[in-house]
Amino acid sequence: MTTRFILAAFAAAAILLSPPAFAQDTKSQRPAPSDKEDWSQAVGAKIKRQSALAVIKARELGLDGDFQVSVGFTISPDGKVSGARIVTSSGHPELDAVAIDMANRAAPFPTFTPDMGDEPVSMLAPVILKLKKPETADTLSEPAPPAAAE
């Protein structure tokens, strides 16, 4: 009798503590981009989510001031990244390495939309850091959306 009660209590707790179906992870439920413009915005958003790495690394290095690094990379139609490289250096190799890591960690990107064809796209993503002295907050400027390299 006690064993049945305990099992019933565990079953009830599992049902009560599990999230409702509508509260599932919405990241995986984002609609796929419908055209090249939507796709570019989705790529920019994924890179922006990784940009906090640059601020953390700059703090670890004790950097102060404004820094810009541009990272170039290629995205294949299936959303994979290749050839991440520094186009414009920040002047700090460690910060440049973080920018390359940002591009790689942001992948995979959304697959290409029908209006994009099946050729890989070269991208250029500027990362702009405005680092303040410890008495003020560090900021990361709103990054410009990555642009397709011509």
N, C-alpha and C. Protein backbone atom coordinates (compact mmCIF):
# COMPACT_ATOMS: atom_id res chain seq x y z
N MET A 1 0.83 -1.19 0.00
CA MET A 1 0.00 0.00 0.00
C MET A 1 0.87 1.25 0.00
N THR A 2 1.90 1.30 0.87
CA THR A 2 2.77 2.46 0.95
C THR A 2 3.54 2.63 -0.36
N THR A 3 3.99 1.53 -0.95
CA THR A 3 4.73 1.60 -2.21
C THR A 3 3.86 2.18 -3.31
N ARG A 4 2.59 1.77 -3.39
CA ARG A 4 1.68 2.31 -4.40
C ARG A 4 1.50 3.81 -4.20
N PHE A 5 1.36 4.23 -2.94
CA PHE A 5 1.17 5.65 -2.65
C PHE A 5 2.40 6.45 -3.09
N ILE A 6 3.59 5.93 -2.79
CA ILE A 6 4.83 6.63 -3.17
C ILE A 6 4.94 6.72 -4.69
N LEU A 7 4.67 5.62 -5.39
CA LEU A 7 4.73 5.65 -6.85
C LEU A 7 3.69 6.63 -7.42
N ALA A 8 2.50 6.63 -6.85
CA ALA A 8 1.47 7.56 -7.31
C ALA A 8 1.89 9.00 -7.04
N ALA A 9 2.52 9.24 -5.91
CA ALA A 9 2.98 10.59 -5.57
C ALA A 9 4.06 11.04 -6.55
N PHE A 10 5.01 10.13 -6.89
CA PHE A 10 6.04 10.48 -7.87
C PHE A 10 5.42 10.77 -9.23
N ALA A 11 4.46 9.97 -9.64
CA ALA A 11 3.81 10.18 -10.94
C ALA A 11 3.08 11.52 -10.96
N ALA A 12 2.38 11.84 -9.88
CA ALA A 12 1.67 13.12 -9.81
C ALA A 12 2.65 14.28 -9.82
N ALA A 13 3.75 14.14 -9.09
CA ALA A 13 4.76 15.20 -9.06
C ALA A 13 5.36 15.41 -10.44
N ALA A 14 5.62 14.32 -11.15
CA ALA A 14 6.20 14.44 -12.49
C ALA A 14 5.25 15.17 -13.42
N ILE A 15 3.97 14.88 -13.32
CA ILE A 15 2.98 15.56 -14.17
C ILE A 15 2.87 17.03 -13.78
N LEU A 16 2.83 17.32 -12.49
CA LEU A 16 2.67 18.70 -12.04
C LEU A 16 3.91 19.54 -12.30
N LEU A 17 5.09 18.93 -12.24
CA LEU A 17 6.33 19.69 -12.39
C LEU A 17 6.80 19.82 -13.83
N SER A 18 6.24 19.03 -14.74
CA SER A 18 6.67 19.15 -16.13
C SER A 18 6.03 20.38 -16.75
N PRO A 19 6.79 21.08 -17.61
CA PRO A 19 6.24 22.29 -18.22
C PRO A 19 5.11 21.95 -19.17
N PRO A 20 4.14 22.83 -19.30
CA PRO A 20 3.06 22.58 -20.25
C PRO A 20 3.60 22.55 -21.68
N ALA A 21 2.88 21.93 -22.57
CA ALA A 21 3.33 21.79 -23.96
C ALA A 21 3.61 23.14 -24.60
N PHE A 22 2.82 24.16 -24.27
CA PHE A 22 3.02 25.47 -24.89
C PHE A 22 4.26 26.17 -24.37
N ALA A 23 4.88 25.69 -23.30
CA ALA A 23 6.05 26.33 -22.72
C ALA A 23 7.35 25.69 -23.20
N GLN A 24 7.29 24.89 -24.24
CA GLN A 24 8.50 24.26 -24.75
C GLN A 24 9.43 25.31 -25.32
N ASP A 25 10.66 24.91 -25.57
CA ASP A 25 11.70 25.81 -26.08
C ASP A 25 11.25 26.46 -27.38
N THR A 26 11.18 27.79 -27.38
CA THR A 26 10.73 28.50 -28.56
C THR A 26 11.86 28.77 -29.54
N LYS A 27 13.13 28.61 -29.12
CA LYS A 27 14.23 28.82 -30.05
C LYS A 27 14.11 27.90 -31.24
N SER A 28 13.79 26.64 -30.99
CA SER A 28 13.69 25.68 -32.08
C SER A 28 12.42 25.89 -32.89
N GLN A 29 11.49 26.71 -32.41
CA GLN A 29 10.24 26.93 -33.10
C GLN A 29 10.21 28.25 -33.86
N ARG A 30 11.34 28.94 -33.95
CA ARG A 30 11.38 30.17 -34.73
C ARG A 30 11.10 29.82 -36.18
N PRO A 31 10.33 30.65 -36.84
CA PRO A 31 10.06 30.35 -38.25
C PRO A 31 11.34 30.49 -39.08
N ALA A 32 11.46 29.66 -40.07
CA ALA A 32 12.62 29.73 -40.96
C ALA A 32 12.53 31.02 -41.77
N PRO A 33 13.67 31.62 -42.07
CA PRO A 33 13.64 32.84 -42.88
C PRO A 33 12.94 32.57 -44.22
N SER A 34 12.19 33.56 -44.68
CA SER A 34 11.43 33.38 -45.92
C SER A 34 12.14 33.92 -47.15
N ASP A 35 13.08 34.84 -46.95
CA ASP A 35 13.82 35.40 -48.08
C ASP A 35 15.21 35.82 -47.62
N LYS A 36 16.00 36.32 -48.56
CA LYS A 36 17.39 36.67 -48.25
C LYS A 36 17.48 37.72 -47.15
N GLU A 37 16.57 38.70 -47.14
CA GLU A 37 16.60 39.74 -46.11
C GLU A 37 16.36 39.14 -44.73
N ASP A 38 15.34 38.28 -44.61
CA ASP A 38 15.08 37.60 -43.33
C ASP A 38 16.28 36.76 -42.92
N TRP A 39 16.88 36.08 -43.89
CA TRP A 39 18.03 35.23 -43.62
C TRP A 39 19.19 36.07 -43.07
N SER A 40 19.46 37.22 -43.70
CA SER A 40 20.55 38.09 -43.24
C SER A 40 20.31 38.56 -41.81
N GLN A 41 19.06 38.89 -41.48
CA GLN A 41 18.74 39.31 -40.12
C GLN A 41 18.95 38.17 -39.13
N ALA A 42 18.59 36.96 -39.52
CA ALA A 42 18.78 35.80 -38.64
C ALA A 42 20.27 35.54 -38.41
N VAL A 43 21.09 35.70 -39.44
CA VAL A 43 22.54 35.53 -39.31
C VAL A 43 23.09 36.58 -38.35
N GLY A 44 22.68 37.84 -38.53
CA GLY A 44 23.14 38.91 -37.65
C GLY A 44 22.76 38.67 -36.20
N ALA A 45 21.55 38.17 -35.98
CA ALA A 45 21.09 37.90 -34.61
C ALA A 45 21.93 36.79 -33.96
N LYS A 46 22.26 35.77 -34.73
CA LYS A 46 23.07 34.68 -34.16
C LYS A 46 24.47 35.16 -33.81
N ILE A 47 25.04 36.00 -34.65
CA ILE A 47 26.38 36.53 -34.36
C ILE A 47 26.32 37.44 -33.14
N LYS A 48 25.30 38.27 -33.06
CA LYS A 48 25.16 39.19 -31.92
C LYS A 48 25.09 38.42 -30.60
N ARG A 49 24.39 37.29 -30.59
CA ARG A 49 24.29 36.49 -29.36
C ARG A 49 25.66 35.99 -28.91
N GLN A 50 26.58 35.84 -29.82
CA GLN A 50 27.93 35.37 -29.48
C GLN A 50 28.86 36.51 -29.09
N SER A 51 28.45 37.76 -29.31
CA SER A 51 29.35 38.90 -29.14
C SER A 51 29.77 39.16 -27.69
N ALA A 52 29.04 38.65 -26.73
CA ALA A 52 29.44 38.84 -25.33
C ALA A 52 30.81 38.22 -25.06
N LEU A 53 31.19 37.22 -25.85
CA LEU A 53 32.52 36.61 -25.69
C LEU A 53 33.63 37.64 -25.85
N ALA A 54 33.46 38.54 -26.80
CA ALA A 54 34.49 39.55 -27.04
C ALA A 54 34.64 40.48 -25.85
N VAL A 55 33.53 40.87 -25.24
CA VAL A 55 33.58 41.75 -24.07
C VAL A 55 34.27 41.03 -22.90
N ILE A 56 33.92 39.77 -22.69
CA ILE A 56 34.53 39.00 -21.60
C ILE A 56 36.03 38.88 -21.80
N LYS A 57 36.46 38.56 -23.02
CA LYS A 57 37.89 38.41 -23.30
C LYS A 57 38.62 39.74 -23.13
N ALA A 58 38.00 40.82 -23.59
CA ALA A 58 38.63 42.14 -23.45
C ALA A 58 38.80 42.50 -21.98
N ARG A 59 37.82 42.17 -21.15
CA ARG A 59 37.94 42.41 -19.71
C ARG A 59 39.09 41.61 -19.13
N GLU A 60 39.19 40.33 -19.54
CA GLU A 60 40.28 39.48 -19.04
C GLU A 60 41.64 40.06 -19.42
N LEU A 61 41.72 40.67 -20.59
CA LEU A 61 42.98 41.26 -21.06
C LEU A 61 43.24 42.63 -20.47
N GLY A 62 42.25 43.19 -19.75
CA GLY A 62 42.40 44.50 -19.15
C GLY A 62 42.38 45.63 -20.17
N LEU A 63 41.73 45.41 -21.30
CA LEU A 63 41.69 46.42 -22.35
C LEU A 63 40.73 47.55 -22.00
N ASP A 64 41.06 48.74 -22.49
CA ASP A 64 40.24 49.92 -22.27
C ASP A 64 40.25 50.72 -23.57
N GLY A 65 39.11 51.22 -23.98
CA GLY A 65 39.04 52.03 -25.19
C GLY A 65 38.10 51.42 -26.21
N ASP A 66 38.19 51.92 -27.43
CA ASP A 66 37.33 51.46 -28.51
C ASP A 66 38.14 50.55 -29.44
N PHE A 67 37.53 49.43 -29.81
CA PHE A 67 38.18 48.46 -30.67
C PHE A 67 37.21 47.99 -31.73
N GLN A 68 37.73 47.74 -32.91
CA GLN A 68 36.92 47.17 -33.97
C GLN A 68 37.71 46.05 -34.63
N VAL A 69 37.04 44.95 -34.85
CA VAL A 69 37.61 43.83 -35.57
C VAL A 69 36.56 43.37 -36.57
N SER A 70 36.99 43.07 -37.77
CA SER A 70 36.07 42.56 -38.79
C SER A 70 36.47 41.14 -39.12
N VAL A 71 35.49 40.26 -39.08
CA VAL A 71 35.75 38.85 -39.38
C VAL A 71 34.97 38.49 -40.65
N GLY A 72 35.67 37.85 -41.56
CA GLY A 72 35.04 37.35 -42.78
C GLY A 72 34.88 35.85 -42.67
N PHE A 73 33.85 35.33 -43.31
CA PHE A 73 33.63 33.89 -43.31
C PHE A 73 32.67 33.55 -44.44
N THR A 74 32.58 32.28 -44.74
CA THR A 74 31.71 31.81 -45.81
C THR A 74 30.64 30.91 -45.20
N ILE A 75 29.41 31.10 -45.66
CA ILE A 75 28.30 30.26 -45.22
C ILE A 75 27.82 29.45 -46.42
N SER A 76 27.76 28.14 -46.24
CA SER A 76 27.28 27.26 -47.31
C SER A 76 25.75 27.20 -47.26
N PRO A 77 25.12 26.73 -48.33
CA PRO A 77 23.65 26.68 -48.36
C PRO A 77 23.02 25.92 -47.19
N ASP A 78 23.77 24.96 -46.62
CA ASP A 78 23.22 24.21 -45.48
C ASP A 78 23.47 24.90 -44.14
N GLY A 79 24.06 26.11 -44.16
CA GLY A 79 24.25 26.89 -42.93
C GLY A 79 25.58 26.69 -42.24
N LYS A 80 26.46 25.89 -42.81
CA LYS A 80 27.77 25.65 -42.19
C LYS A 80 28.73 26.78 -42.52
N VAL A 81 29.64 27.05 -41.57
CA VAL A 81 30.63 28.12 -41.72
C VAL A 81 31.97 27.52 -42.11
N SER A 82 32.67 28.22 -42.98
CA SER A 82 34.05 27.83 -43.30
C SER A 82 34.86 29.10 -43.55
N GLY A 83 36.16 28.95 -43.46
CA GLY A 83 37.07 30.03 -43.81
C GLY A 83 37.00 31.27 -42.95
N ALA A 84 36.64 31.14 -41.67
CA ALA A 84 36.59 32.33 -40.80
C ALA A 84 37.99 32.92 -40.68
N ARG A 85 38.09 34.23 -40.90
CA ARG A 85 39.39 34.90 -40.90
C ARG A 85 39.22 36.36 -40.51
N ILE A 86 40.29 36.95 -40.05
CA ILE A 86 40.29 38.37 -39.70
C ILE A 86 40.51 39.19 -40.96
N VAL A 87 39.61 40.14 -41.20
CA VAL A 87 39.74 41.06 -42.33
C VAL A 87 40.38 42.36 -41.85
N THR A 88 39.93 42.85 -40.70
CA THR A 88 40.52 44.03 -40.07
C THR A 88 40.81 43.68 -38.62
N SER A 89 42.07 43.75 -38.22
CA SER A 89 42.47 43.37 -36.87
C SER A 89 42.13 44.46 -35.85
N SER A 90 41.89 44.01 -34.64
CA SER A 90 41.67 44.93 -33.52
C SER A 90 43.01 45.45 -32.98
N GLY A 91 44.09 44.80 -33.38
CA GLY A 91 45.40 45.14 -32.83
C GLY A 91 45.77 44.24 -31.67
N HIS A 92 44.86 43.37 -31.28
CA HIS A 92 45.09 42.43 -30.18
C HIS A 92 44.79 41.02 -30.68
N PRO A 93 45.81 40.19 -30.88
CA PRO A 93 45.60 38.85 -31.43
C PRO A 93 44.58 38.02 -30.65
N GLU A 94 44.56 38.19 -29.33
CA GLU A 94 43.61 37.42 -28.52
C GLU A 94 42.17 37.82 -28.83
N LEU A 95 41.94 39.11 -29.00
CA LEU A 95 40.60 39.61 -29.33
C LEU A 95 40.21 39.19 -30.75
N ASP A 96 41.17 39.20 -31.65
CA ASP A 96 40.92 38.74 -33.02
C ASP A 96 40.51 37.26 -33.02
N ALA A 97 41.18 36.45 -32.20
CA ALA A 97 40.85 35.03 -32.12
C ALA A 97 39.43 34.83 -31.61
N VAL A 98 39.01 35.68 -30.68
CA VAL A 98 37.64 35.60 -30.15
C VAL A 98 36.64 35.92 -31.27
N ALA A 99 36.95 36.89 -32.11
CA ALA A 99 36.04 37.24 -33.21
C ALA A 99 35.87 36.06 -34.17
N ILE A 100 36.96 35.37 -34.46
CA ILE A 100 36.86 34.18 -35.32
C ILE A 100 36.02 33.12 -34.63
N ASP A 101 36.24 32.94 -33.34
CA ASP A 101 35.47 31.96 -32.58
C ASP A 101 33.98 32.31 -32.57
N MET A 102 33.66 33.60 -32.52
CA MET A 102 32.26 34.04 -32.55
C MET A 102 31.56 33.53 -33.81
N ALA A 103 32.21 33.70 -34.95
CA ALA A 103 31.61 33.27 -36.22
C ALA A 103 31.40 31.76 -36.23
N ASN A 104 32.39 31.02 -35.75
CA ASN A 104 32.29 29.56 -35.74
C ASN A 104 31.24 29.07 -34.74
N ARG A 105 31.16 29.71 -33.58
CA ARG A 105 30.20 29.29 -32.55
C ARG A 105 28.76 29.65 -32.92
N ALA A 106 28.58 30.68 -33.72
CA ALA A 106 27.23 31.08 -34.12
C ALA A 106 26.61 30.07 -35.09
N ALA A 107 27.44 29.30 -35.76
CA ALA A 107 26.94 28.29 -36.70
C ALA A 107 26.32 27.12 -35.95
N PRO A 108 25.41 26.40 -36.55
CA PRO A 108 24.98 26.54 -37.94
C PRO A 108 23.98 27.68 -38.09
N PHE A 109 24.05 28.31 -39.23
CA PHE A 109 23.11 29.37 -39.57
C PHE A 109 21.91 28.75 -40.29
N PRO A 110 20.85 29.53 -40.48
CA PRO A 110 19.71 28.98 -41.22
C PRO A 110 20.14 28.56 -42.63
N THR A 111 19.46 27.56 -43.15
CA THR A 111 19.72 27.16 -44.53
C THR A 111 19.25 28.27 -45.47
N PHE A 112 19.82 28.30 -46.65
CA PHE A 112 19.49 29.34 -47.61
C PHE A 112 18.01 29.28 -47.99
N THR A 113 17.49 30.44 -48.30
CA THR A 113 16.11 30.55 -48.78
C THR A 113 16.12 30.33 -50.30
N PRO A 114 14.96 30.03 -50.87
CA PRO A 114 14.91 29.75 -52.32
C PRO A 114 15.49 30.87 -53.20
N ASP A 115 15.38 32.12 -52.76
CA ASP A 115 15.87 33.23 -53.59
C ASP A 115 17.38 33.44 -53.48
N MET A 116 18.08 32.56 -52.75
CA MET A 116 19.52 32.73 -52.55
C MET A 116 20.38 31.84 -53.43
N GLY A 117 19.80 30.90 -54.12
CA GLY A 117 20.59 30.00 -54.95
C GLY A 117 21.32 28.97 -54.12
N ASP A 118 22.32 28.33 -54.74
CA ASP A 118 23.03 27.26 -54.03
C ASP A 118 24.54 27.48 -53.96
N GLU A 119 24.98 28.70 -54.21
CA GLU A 119 26.40 29.03 -54.08
C GLU A 119 26.67 29.59 -52.68
N PRO A 120 27.80 29.22 -52.06
CA PRO A 120 28.13 29.77 -50.73
C PRO A 120 28.17 31.30 -50.76
N VAL A 121 27.89 31.89 -49.61
CA VAL A 121 27.86 33.35 -49.47
C VAL A 121 29.01 33.78 -48.56
N SER A 122 29.79 34.76 -49.03
CA SER A 122 30.86 35.33 -48.20
C SER A 122 30.28 36.46 -47.37
N MET A 123 30.61 36.46 -46.09
CA MET A 123 30.07 37.46 -45.16
C MET A 123 31.21 38.25 -44.52
N LEU A 124 30.88 39.46 -44.10
CA LEU A 124 31.81 40.30 -43.36
C LEU A 124 31.05 40.84 -42.15
N ALA A 125 31.52 40.51 -40.96
CA ALA A 125 30.84 40.92 -39.73
C ALA A 125 31.75 41.81 -38.90
N PRO A 126 31.42 43.10 -38.77
CA PRO A 126 32.21 43.98 -37.90
C PRO A 126 31.79 43.80 -36.44
N VAL A 127 32.76 43.76 -35.56
CA VAL A 127 32.50 43.70 -34.12
C VAL A 127 33.13 44.95 -33.53
N ILE A 128 32.31 45.80 -32.92
CA ILE A 128 32.79 47.07 -32.37
C ILE A 128 32.64 47.02 -30.86
N LEU A 129 33.75 47.20 -30.16
CA LEU A 129 33.75 47.20 -28.69
C LEU A 129 34.07 48.60 -28.20
N LYS A 130 33.28 49.07 -27.25
CA LYS A 130 33.56 50.34 -26.58
C LYS A 130 33.72 50.00 -25.10
N LEU A 131 34.96 49.86 -24.70
CA LEU A 131 35.26 49.42 -23.34
C LEU A 131 35.60 50.62 -22.47
N LYS A 132 34.92 50.72 -21.36
CA LYS A 132 35.11 51.84 -20.43
C LYS A 132 35.96 51.39 -19.26
N LYS A 133 36.47 52.36 -18.55
CA LYS A 133 37.25 52.06 -17.35
C LYS A 133 36.35 51.35 -16.34
N PRO A 134 36.93 50.63 -15.39
CA PRO A 134 36.15 49.84 -14.44
C PRO A 134 35.03 50.58 -13.72
N GLU A 135 35.16 51.91 -13.53
CA GLU A 135 34.11 52.60 -12.79
C GLU A 135 32.83 52.80 -13.61
N THR A 136 32.89 52.55 -14.93
CA THR A 136 31.69 52.62 -15.76
C THR A 136 31.47 51.27 -16.42
N ALA A 137 30.31 51.09 -16.97
CA ALA A 137 29.96 49.81 -17.57
C ALA A 137 30.58 49.65 -18.95
N ASP A 138 30.99 48.41 -19.26
CA ASP A 138 31.43 48.08 -20.60
C ASP A 138 30.21 48.05 -21.50
N THR A 139 30.40 48.43 -22.72
CA THR A 139 29.28 48.36 -23.66
C THR A 139 29.74 47.69 -24.93
N LEU A 140 28.81 47.12 -25.59
CA LEU A 140 29.02 46.56 -26.91
C LEU A 140 28.06 47.30 -27.81
N SER A 141 28.61 48.02 -28.76
CA SER A 141 27.73 48.79 -29.63
C SER A 141 26.84 47.84 -30.42
N GLU A 142 25.76 48.36 -30.88
CA GLU A 142 24.86 47.58 -31.72
C GLU A 142 25.63 47.24 -32.98
N PRO A 143 25.95 45.96 -33.20
CA PRO A 143 26.76 45.64 -34.36
C PRO A 143 25.98 45.87 -35.64
N ALA A 144 26.71 46.30 -36.65
CA ALA A 144 26.08 46.43 -37.95
C ALA A 144 25.76 45.03 -38.44
N PRO A 145 24.67 44.88 -39.16
CA PRO A 145 24.36 43.53 -39.65
C PRO A 145 25.46 43.08 -40.60
N PRO A 146 25.77 41.78 -40.58
CA PRO A 146 26.80 41.30 -41.49
C PRO A 146 26.37 41.56 -42.92
N ALA A 147 27.32 41.87 -43.75
CA ALA A 147 27.01 42.16 -45.15
C ALA A 147 27.63 41.09 -46.03
N ALA A 148 26.92 40.76 -47.07
CA ALA A 148 27.48 39.81 -48.03
C ALA A 148 28.64 40.49 -48.73
N ALA A 149 29.75 39.80 -48.80
CA ALA A 149 30.93 40.35 -49.47
C ALA A 149 30.70 40.27 -50.97
N GLU A 150 31.04 41.30 -51.64
CA GLU A 150 30.82 41.34 -53.11
C GLU A 150 31.98 40.72 -53.81
